[in-house]
Amino acid sequence: MADSGGSAARVALVDVAASRRQGGRVRALLTPGSVGATSGFMGHLELAPGEVVTEHYHPFSDKFLYVIEGSAVVRVNGEAVALDSDEALLITRGQRNRIENAGDGVLRAVFHVAPLAPRPELGHVDTEPVPEPGCVPPRVGG
């Protein structure tokens, strides 16, 4: 999965299984488990038209979200924030957030969550039912 030649580590999107637990396809790419990250983790999400990543929050971390392709509505503590391609949003720790594909095409975005929670199970809190509760969440820890 990871190619660590020296001080750099590489992970390919196609090599990481997507989680559908919260909706869409979420992949945690550069993580403590995959590359030994110590300050946070980075991932990718993809939503088909009408799909969402259900509402949740990170009690210890901020989330940086950058839209690569498509249009999103991010509900932050219930307030709608529109994002288009090449726009970014900071969601600070404790803010509830829900990501919705607001367009007719695929929404692709990258996210970074930092700093890490003291333990992986403390890093994410769902605040609405997830569409695929039987699915494994994205793997962040070792």
N, C-alpha and C. Protein backbone atom coordinates (compact mmCIF):
# COMPACT_ATOMS: atom_id res chain seq x y z
N MET A 1 0.83 -1.20 0.00
CA MET A 1 0.00 0.00 0.00
C MET A 1 0.86 1.25 0.00
N ALA A 2 1.75 1.39 0.96
CA ALA A 2 2.59 2.59 1.03
C ALA A 2 3.96 2.28 0.44
N ASP A 3 4.51 3.27 -0.23
CA ASP A 3 5.87 3.17 -0.76
C ASP A 3 6.67 4.23 -0.05
N SER A 4 7.49 3.82 0.92
CA SER A 4 8.25 4.81 1.67
C SER A 4 9.72 4.66 1.35
N GLY A 5 10.17 5.42 0.39
CA GLY A 5 11.58 5.45 0.03
C GLY A 5 12.21 6.68 0.64
N GLY A 6 12.84 6.54 1.79
CA GLY A 6 13.41 7.69 2.47
C GLY A 6 12.37 8.37 3.33
N SER A 7 12.27 9.70 3.19
CA SER A 7 11.37 10.45 4.07
C SER A 7 9.99 10.67 3.47
N ALA A 8 9.76 10.22 2.24
CA ALA A 8 8.46 10.41 1.61
C ALA A 8 7.71 9.08 1.58
N ALA A 9 6.38 9.15 1.62
CA ALA A 9 5.55 7.95 1.56
C ALA A 9 4.41 8.20 0.58
N ARG A 10 4.15 7.21 -0.27
CA ARG A 10 3.14 7.37 -1.32
C ARG A 10 2.08 6.29 -1.15
N VAL A 11 0.82 6.68 -1.36
CA VAL A 11 -0.30 5.75 -1.33
C VAL A 11 -1.17 6.07 -2.54
N ALA A 12 -1.55 5.04 -3.30
CA ALA A 12 -2.42 5.23 -4.46
C ALA A 12 -3.88 5.03 -4.07
N LEU A 13 -4.74 5.89 -4.59
CA LEU A 13 -6.18 5.81 -4.32
C LEU A 13 -6.72 4.42 -4.61
N VAL A 14 -6.33 3.84 -5.73
CA VAL A 14 -6.86 2.52 -6.13
C VAL A 14 -6.45 1.41 -5.19
N ASP A 15 -5.44 1.63 -4.36
CA ASP A 15 -4.97 0.60 -3.44
C ASP A 15 -5.67 0.63 -2.08
N VAL A 16 -6.55 1.60 -1.87
CA VAL A 16 -7.23 1.74 -0.58
C VAL A 16 -8.71 1.44 -0.77
N ALA A 17 -9.21 0.49 0.00
CA ALA A 17 -10.63 0.14 -0.08
C ALA A 17 -11.50 1.30 0.40
N ALA A 18 -12.58 1.55 -0.32
CA ALA A 18 -13.51 2.61 0.06
C ALA A 18 -14.46 2.12 1.14
N SER A 19 -14.75 2.99 2.08
CA SER A 19 -15.79 2.72 3.07
C SER A 19 -17.07 3.40 2.61
N ARG A 20 -18.18 2.68 2.69
CA ARG A 20 -19.48 3.26 2.34
C ARG A 20 -20.33 3.47 3.61
N ARG A 21 -19.72 3.30 4.76
CA ARG A 21 -20.45 3.38 6.03
C ARG A 21 -21.24 4.68 6.17
N GLN A 22 -20.61 5.82 5.90
CA GLN A 22 -21.27 7.12 6.08
C GLN A 22 -21.91 7.64 4.80
N GLY A 23 -21.83 6.87 3.72
CA GLY A 23 -22.34 7.31 2.43
C GLY A 23 -21.21 7.59 1.47
N GLY A 24 -21.49 7.45 0.20
CA GLY A 24 -20.47 7.67 -0.81
C GLY A 24 -19.34 6.67 -0.66
N ARG A 25 -18.17 7.09 -1.10
CA ARG A 25 -16.95 6.29 -0.98
C ARG A 25 -15.88 7.15 -0.33
N VAL A 26 -15.51 6.77 0.89
CA VAL A 26 -14.53 7.52 1.66
C VAL A 26 -13.29 6.65 1.83
N ARG A 27 -12.14 7.21 1.51
CA ARG A 27 -10.87 6.50 1.66
C ARG A 27 -9.92 7.33 2.51
N ALA A 28 -9.38 6.74 3.56
CA ALA A 28 -8.33 7.38 4.36
C ALA A 28 -7.01 6.94 3.73
N LEU A 29 -6.25 7.89 3.19
CA LEU A 29 -5.06 7.58 2.40
C LEU A 29 -3.76 7.66 3.21
N LEU A 30 -3.40 8.85 3.62
CA LEU A 30 -2.16 9.07 4.37
C LEU A 30 -2.51 9.12 5.85
N THR A 31 -2.26 8.04 6.56
CA THR A 31 -2.72 7.86 7.93
C THR A 31 -1.60 7.33 8.82
N PRO A 32 -1.83 7.30 10.14
CA PRO A 32 -0.85 6.64 11.00
C PRO A 32 -0.64 5.17 10.60
N GLY A 33 -1.72 4.49 10.22
CA GLY A 33 -1.62 3.09 9.86
C GLY A 33 -0.95 2.84 8.52
N SER A 34 -1.14 3.74 7.55
CA SER A 34 -0.61 3.48 6.21
C SER A 34 0.81 4.03 6.01
N VAL A 35 1.12 5.17 6.60
CA VAL A 35 2.44 5.79 6.36
C VAL A 35 3.12 6.29 7.63
N GLY A 36 2.51 6.02 8.79
CA GLY A 36 3.11 6.46 10.04
C GLY A 36 2.88 7.93 10.35
N ALA A 37 1.86 8.54 9.74
CA ALA A 37 1.56 9.96 10.01
C ALA A 37 1.35 10.17 11.51
N THR A 38 1.83 11.29 12.02
CA THR A 38 1.71 11.56 13.45
C THR A 38 0.92 12.82 13.77
N SER A 39 0.65 13.66 12.78
CA SER A 39 -0.01 14.93 13.06
C SER A 39 -1.46 15.01 12.57
N GLY A 40 -1.88 14.05 11.76
CA GLY A 40 -3.23 14.06 11.21
C GLY A 40 -3.32 13.02 10.12
N PHE A 41 -4.41 13.05 9.35
CA PHE A 41 -4.54 12.13 8.23
C PHE A 41 -5.28 12.79 7.08
N MET A 42 -5.03 12.28 5.86
CA MET A 42 -5.60 12.84 4.64
C MET A 42 -6.36 11.75 3.91
N GLY A 43 -7.46 12.15 3.29
CA GLY A 43 -8.27 11.17 2.57
C GLY A 43 -8.96 11.78 1.37
N HIS A 44 -9.78 10.95 0.74
CA HIS A 44 -10.50 11.29 -0.49
C HIS A 44 -11.94 10.82 -0.34
N LEU A 45 -12.86 11.62 -0.83
CA LEU A 45 -14.25 11.19 -0.84
C LEU A 45 -14.84 11.41 -2.22
N GLU A 46 -15.76 10.53 -2.56
CA GLU A 46 -16.44 10.60 -3.84
C GLU A 46 -17.92 10.34 -3.61
N LEU A 47 -18.75 11.26 -4.10
CA LEU A 47 -20.19 11.14 -3.95
C LEU A 47 -20.86 11.21 -5.31
N ALA A 48 -21.75 10.27 -5.60
CA ALA A 48 -22.58 10.33 -6.80
C ALA A 48 -23.66 11.39 -6.58
N PRO A 49 -24.31 11.84 -7.64
CA PRO A 49 -25.40 12.82 -7.47
C PRO A 49 -26.41 12.33 -6.44
N GLY A 50 -26.76 13.21 -5.51
CA GLY A 50 -27.72 12.89 -4.47
C GLY A 50 -27.15 12.21 -3.24
N GLU A 51 -25.91 11.74 -3.30
CA GLU A 51 -25.31 11.07 -2.14
C GLU A 51 -24.81 12.09 -1.13
N VAL A 52 -24.67 11.62 0.12
CA VAL A 52 -24.17 12.46 1.21
C VAL A 52 -23.18 11.67 2.05
N VAL A 53 -22.34 12.40 2.77
CA VAL A 53 -21.60 11.86 3.91
C VAL A 53 -22.38 12.36 5.12
N THR A 54 -22.91 11.42 5.89
CA THR A 54 -23.82 11.78 6.98
C THR A 54 -23.15 12.66 8.03
N GLU A 55 -23.99 13.37 8.77
CA GLU A 55 -23.50 14.34 9.75
C GLU A 55 -22.69 13.66 10.85
N HIS A 56 -21.58 14.33 11.20
CA HIS A 56 -20.68 13.85 12.23
C HIS A 56 -19.84 15.04 12.71
N TYR A 57 -19.01 14.79 13.71
CA TYR A 57 -18.04 15.81 14.11
C TYR A 57 -16.79 15.13 14.64
N HIS A 58 -15.73 15.91 14.71
CA HIS A 58 -14.45 15.45 15.22
C HIS A 58 -14.15 16.26 16.49
N PRO A 59 -14.23 15.62 17.67
CA PRO A 59 -14.07 16.37 18.92
C PRO A 59 -12.66 16.89 19.18
N PHE A 60 -11.65 16.32 18.54
CA PHE A 60 -10.27 16.71 18.81
C PHE A 60 -9.60 17.36 17.60
N SER A 61 -10.28 17.42 16.45
CA SER A 61 -9.60 17.76 15.20
C SER A 61 -10.38 18.77 14.36
N ASP A 62 -9.62 19.52 13.56
CA ASP A 62 -10.19 20.36 12.51
C ASP A 62 -10.20 19.54 11.22
N LYS A 63 -11.14 19.86 10.32
CA LYS A 63 -11.19 19.22 9.01
C LYS A 63 -11.00 20.27 7.93
N PHE A 64 -10.07 20.00 7.03
CA PHE A 64 -9.82 20.85 5.87
C PHE A 64 -10.39 20.10 4.67
N LEU A 65 -11.28 20.73 3.92
CA LEU A 65 -11.96 20.08 2.80
C LEU A 65 -11.70 20.88 1.53
N TYR A 66 -11.28 20.19 0.46
CA TYR A 66 -11.01 20.83 -0.82
C TYR A 66 -11.75 20.07 -1.92
N VAL A 67 -12.60 20.76 -2.68
CA VAL A 67 -13.36 20.14 -3.76
C VAL A 67 -12.51 20.12 -5.02
N ILE A 68 -12.28 18.92 -5.53
CA ILE A 68 -11.52 18.73 -6.76
C ILE A 68 -12.44 18.87 -7.97
N GLU A 69 -13.61 18.25 -7.87
CA GLU A 69 -14.54 18.18 -9.00
C GLU A 69 -15.96 18.16 -8.47
N GLY A 70 -16.84 18.93 -9.10
CA GLY A 70 -18.25 18.92 -8.73
C GLY A 70 -18.63 20.07 -7.82
N SER A 71 -19.83 19.95 -7.26
CA SER A 71 -20.39 20.98 -6.37
C SER A 71 -20.90 20.30 -5.10
N ALA A 72 -20.63 20.93 -3.98
CA ALA A 72 -21.06 20.39 -2.70
C ALA A 72 -21.84 21.44 -1.92
N VAL A 73 -22.69 20.95 -1.05
CA VAL A 73 -23.24 21.76 0.02
C VAL A 73 -22.77 21.09 1.30
N VAL A 74 -22.04 21.84 2.10
CA VAL A 74 -21.58 21.32 3.39
C VAL A 74 -22.42 22.01 4.45
N ARG A 75 -23.11 21.22 5.23
CA ARG A 75 -23.92 21.77 6.33
C ARG A 75 -23.05 21.75 7.58
N VAL A 76 -22.71 22.94 8.05
CA VAL A 76 -21.86 23.09 9.23
C VAL A 76 -22.74 23.62 10.35
N ASN A 77 -22.95 22.78 11.36
CA ASN A 77 -23.89 23.10 12.44
C ASN A 77 -25.24 23.54 11.88
N GLY A 78 -25.66 22.89 10.79
CA GLY A 78 -26.96 23.15 10.18
C GLY A 78 -26.97 24.24 9.12
N GLU A 79 -25.93 25.06 9.05
CA GLU A 79 -25.87 26.15 8.07
C GLU A 79 -25.25 25.65 6.76
N ALA A 80 -25.94 25.90 5.65
CA ALA A 80 -25.47 25.44 4.34
C ALA A 80 -24.35 26.33 3.81
N VAL A 81 -23.25 25.70 3.39
CA VAL A 81 -22.12 26.39 2.77
C VAL A 81 -21.91 25.73 1.41
N ALA A 82 -22.07 26.50 0.32
CA ALA A 82 -21.88 25.97 -1.02
C ALA A 82 -20.39 25.98 -1.37
N LEU A 83 -19.92 24.90 -1.99
CA LEU A 83 -18.54 24.79 -2.44
C LEU A 83 -18.52 24.25 -3.85
N ASP A 84 -17.74 24.86 -4.72
CA ASP A 84 -17.55 24.38 -6.08
C ASP A 84 -16.12 23.91 -6.25
N SER A 85 -15.81 23.37 -7.42
CA SER A 85 -14.45 22.92 -7.72
C SER A 85 -13.45 24.02 -7.40
N ASP A 86 -12.32 23.62 -6.86
CA ASP A 86 -11.22 24.50 -6.52
C ASP A 86 -11.55 25.47 -5.39
N GLU A 87 -12.50 25.09 -4.54
CA GLU A 87 -12.78 25.86 -3.33
C GLU A 87 -12.55 24.96 -2.11
N ALA A 88 -12.17 25.60 -1.00
CA ALA A 88 -11.84 24.87 0.22
C ALA A 88 -12.63 25.42 1.40
N LEU A 89 -12.75 24.60 2.43
CA LEU A 89 -13.50 24.98 3.63
C LEU A 89 -12.79 24.42 4.85
N LEU A 90 -12.71 25.22 5.90
CA LEU A 90 -12.20 24.76 7.19
C LEU A 90 -13.40 24.52 8.11
N ILE A 91 -13.46 23.33 8.66
CA ILE A 91 -14.49 22.96 9.65
C ILE A 91 -13.74 22.71 10.95
N THR A 92 -13.98 23.54 11.95
CA THR A 92 -13.19 23.44 13.17
C THR A 92 -13.72 22.34 14.10
N ARG A 93 -12.83 21.90 14.98
CA ARG A 93 -13.17 20.79 15.89
C ARG A 93 -14.50 21.05 16.59
N GLY A 94 -15.27 19.99 16.67
CA GLY A 94 -16.57 20.06 17.35
C GLY A 94 -17.72 20.51 16.47
N GLN A 95 -17.46 21.06 15.30
CA GLN A 95 -18.55 21.50 14.43
C GLN A 95 -19.14 20.30 13.70
N ARG A 96 -20.47 20.15 13.82
CA ARG A 96 -21.15 19.08 13.08
C ARG A 96 -21.07 19.41 11.60
N ASN A 97 -20.82 18.39 10.77
CA ASN A 97 -20.76 18.64 9.34
C ASN A 97 -21.33 17.47 8.56
N ARG A 98 -21.99 17.81 7.46
CA ARG A 98 -22.63 16.86 6.55
C ARG A 98 -22.29 17.32 5.15
N ILE A 99 -21.78 16.44 4.31
CA ILE A 99 -21.35 16.82 2.96
C ILE A 99 -22.33 16.22 1.96
N GLU A 100 -22.90 17.07 1.10
CA GLU A 100 -23.90 16.65 0.13
C GLU A 100 -23.42 16.97 -1.28
N ASN A 101 -23.64 16.05 -2.20
CA ASN A 101 -23.37 16.34 -3.61
C ASN A 101 -24.53 17.18 -4.12
N ALA A 102 -24.24 18.43 -4.48
CA ALA A 102 -25.27 19.37 -4.91
C ALA A 102 -25.37 19.47 -6.43
N GLY A 103 -24.58 18.68 -7.15
CA GLY A 103 -24.56 18.80 -8.61
C GLY A 103 -25.13 17.58 -9.31
N ASP A 104 -25.02 17.62 -10.64
CA ASP A 104 -25.51 16.53 -11.47
C ASP A 104 -24.42 15.50 -11.77
N GLY A 105 -23.18 15.82 -11.45
CA GLY A 105 -22.07 14.90 -11.70
C GLY A 105 -21.46 14.42 -10.41
N VAL A 106 -20.38 13.68 -10.54
CA VAL A 106 -19.67 13.15 -9.37
C VAL A 106 -19.00 14.29 -8.61
N LEU A 107 -19.03 14.21 -7.29
CA LEU A 107 -18.30 15.11 -6.42
C LEU A 107 -17.07 14.37 -5.93
N ARG A 108 -15.90 14.95 -6.14
CA ARG A 108 -14.64 14.40 -5.65
C ARG A 108 -13.97 15.47 -4.81
N ALA A 109 -13.52 15.08 -3.63
CA ALA A 109 -12.89 16.04 -2.72
C ALA A 109 -11.80 15.34 -1.92
N VAL A 110 -10.85 16.12 -1.43
CA VAL A 110 -9.86 15.62 -0.49
C VAL A 110 -10.09 16.31 0.85
N PHE A 111 -9.72 15.60 1.91
CA PHE A 111 -9.86 16.17 3.25
C PHE A 111 -8.63 15.83 4.07
N HIS A 112 -8.38 16.69 5.04
CA HIS A 112 -7.29 16.47 5.99
C HIS A 112 -7.87 16.73 7.37
N VAL A 113 -7.62 15.83 8.29
CA VAL A 113 -8.13 15.95 9.65
C VAL A 113 -6.92 16.00 10.58
N ALA A 114 -6.84 17.07 11.39
CA ALA A 114 -5.69 17.25 12.28
C ALA A 114 -6.07 18.15 13.46
N PRO A 115 -5.44 18.00 14.61
CA PRO A 115 -4.51 16.94 14.95
C PRO A 115 -5.26 15.62 15.18
N LEU A 116 -4.50 14.56 15.35
CA LEU A 116 -5.11 13.26 15.62
C LEU A 116 -5.75 13.24 16.99
N ALA A 117 -6.82 12.47 17.11
CA ALA A 117 -7.44 12.24 18.42
C ALA A 117 -6.50 11.36 19.25
N PRO A 118 -6.63 11.37 20.57
CA PRO A 118 -5.75 10.55 21.41
C PRO A 118 -5.83 9.05 21.07
N ARG A 119 -7.00 8.60 20.62
CA ARG A 119 -7.20 7.22 20.17
C ARG A 119 -8.16 7.26 18.99
N PRO A 120 -7.98 6.39 17.99
CA PRO A 120 -8.83 6.44 16.78
C PRO A 120 -10.33 6.40 17.07
N GLU A 121 -10.75 5.61 18.04
CA GLU A 121 -12.19 5.50 18.32
C GLU A 121 -12.77 6.78 18.91
N LEU A 122 -11.93 7.72 19.33
CA LEU A 122 -12.40 9.00 19.85
C LEU A 122 -12.42 10.10 18.79
N GLY A 123 -11.97 9.78 17.59
CA GLY A 123 -11.77 10.80 16.57
C GLY A 123 -12.98 11.21 15.78
N HIS A 124 -14.06 10.43 15.84
CA HIS A 124 -15.21 10.65 14.96
C HIS A 124 -16.48 10.31 15.72
N VAL A 125 -17.48 11.21 15.69
CA VAL A 125 -18.76 10.96 16.37
C VAL A 125 -19.88 11.18 15.37
N ASP A 126 -20.65 10.12 15.07
CA ASP A 126 -21.82 10.24 14.19
C ASP A 126 -22.96 10.91 14.93
N THR A 127 -23.66 11.83 14.24
CA THR A 127 -24.80 12.51 14.85
C THR A 127 -26.10 12.24 14.12
N GLU A 128 -26.05 11.41 13.08
CA GLU A 128 -27.26 10.92 12.42
C GLU A 128 -26.99 9.49 11.98
N PRO A 129 -28.05 8.71 11.76
CA PRO A 129 -27.83 7.32 11.35
C PRO A 129 -27.03 7.24 10.04
N VAL A 130 -26.11 6.29 9.99
CA VAL A 130 -25.31 6.09 8.79
C VAL A 130 -26.04 5.13 7.86
N PRO A 131 -25.89 5.29 6.53
CA PRO A 131 -26.63 4.43 5.59
C PRO A 131 -26.14 2.99 5.54
N GLU A 132 -24.88 2.74 5.88
CA GLU A 132 -24.32 1.38 5.82
C GLU A 132 -23.63 1.04 7.14
N PRO A 133 -24.42 0.86 8.23
CA PRO A 133 -23.79 0.64 9.54
C PRO A 133 -22.95 -0.63 9.62
N GLY A 134 -23.17 -1.60 8.74
CA GLY A 134 -22.39 -2.82 8.75
C GLY A 134 -21.04 -2.70 8.09
N CYS A 135 -20.81 -1.60 7.38
CA CYS A 135 -19.53 -1.40 6.70
C CYS A 135 -18.47 -0.93 7.68
N VAL A 136 -17.25 -1.31 7.41
CA VAL A 136 -16.12 -0.90 8.24
C VAL A 136 -15.82 0.56 7.94
N PRO A 137 -15.58 1.39 8.99
CA PRO A 137 -15.20 2.79 8.74
C PRO A 137 -13.81 2.86 8.08
N PRO A 138 -13.47 4.00 7.51
CA PRO A 138 -12.13 4.14 6.93
C PRO A 138 -11.07 3.83 7.99
N ARG A 139 -10.02 3.13 7.59
CA ARG A 139 -8.97 2.73 8.52
C ARG A 139 -7.95 3.87 8.67
N VAL A 140 -7.84 4.40 9.89
CA VAL A 140 -6.91 5.49 10.15
C VAL A 140 -5.73 5.00 10.98
N GLY A 141 -6.02 4.30 12.07
CA GLY A 141 -4.97 3.85 12.97
C GLY A 141 -4.24 2.63 12.48
N GLY A 142 -3.25 2.21 13.27
CA GLY A 142 -2.41 1.06 12.93
C GLY A 142 -3.07 -0.27 13.02
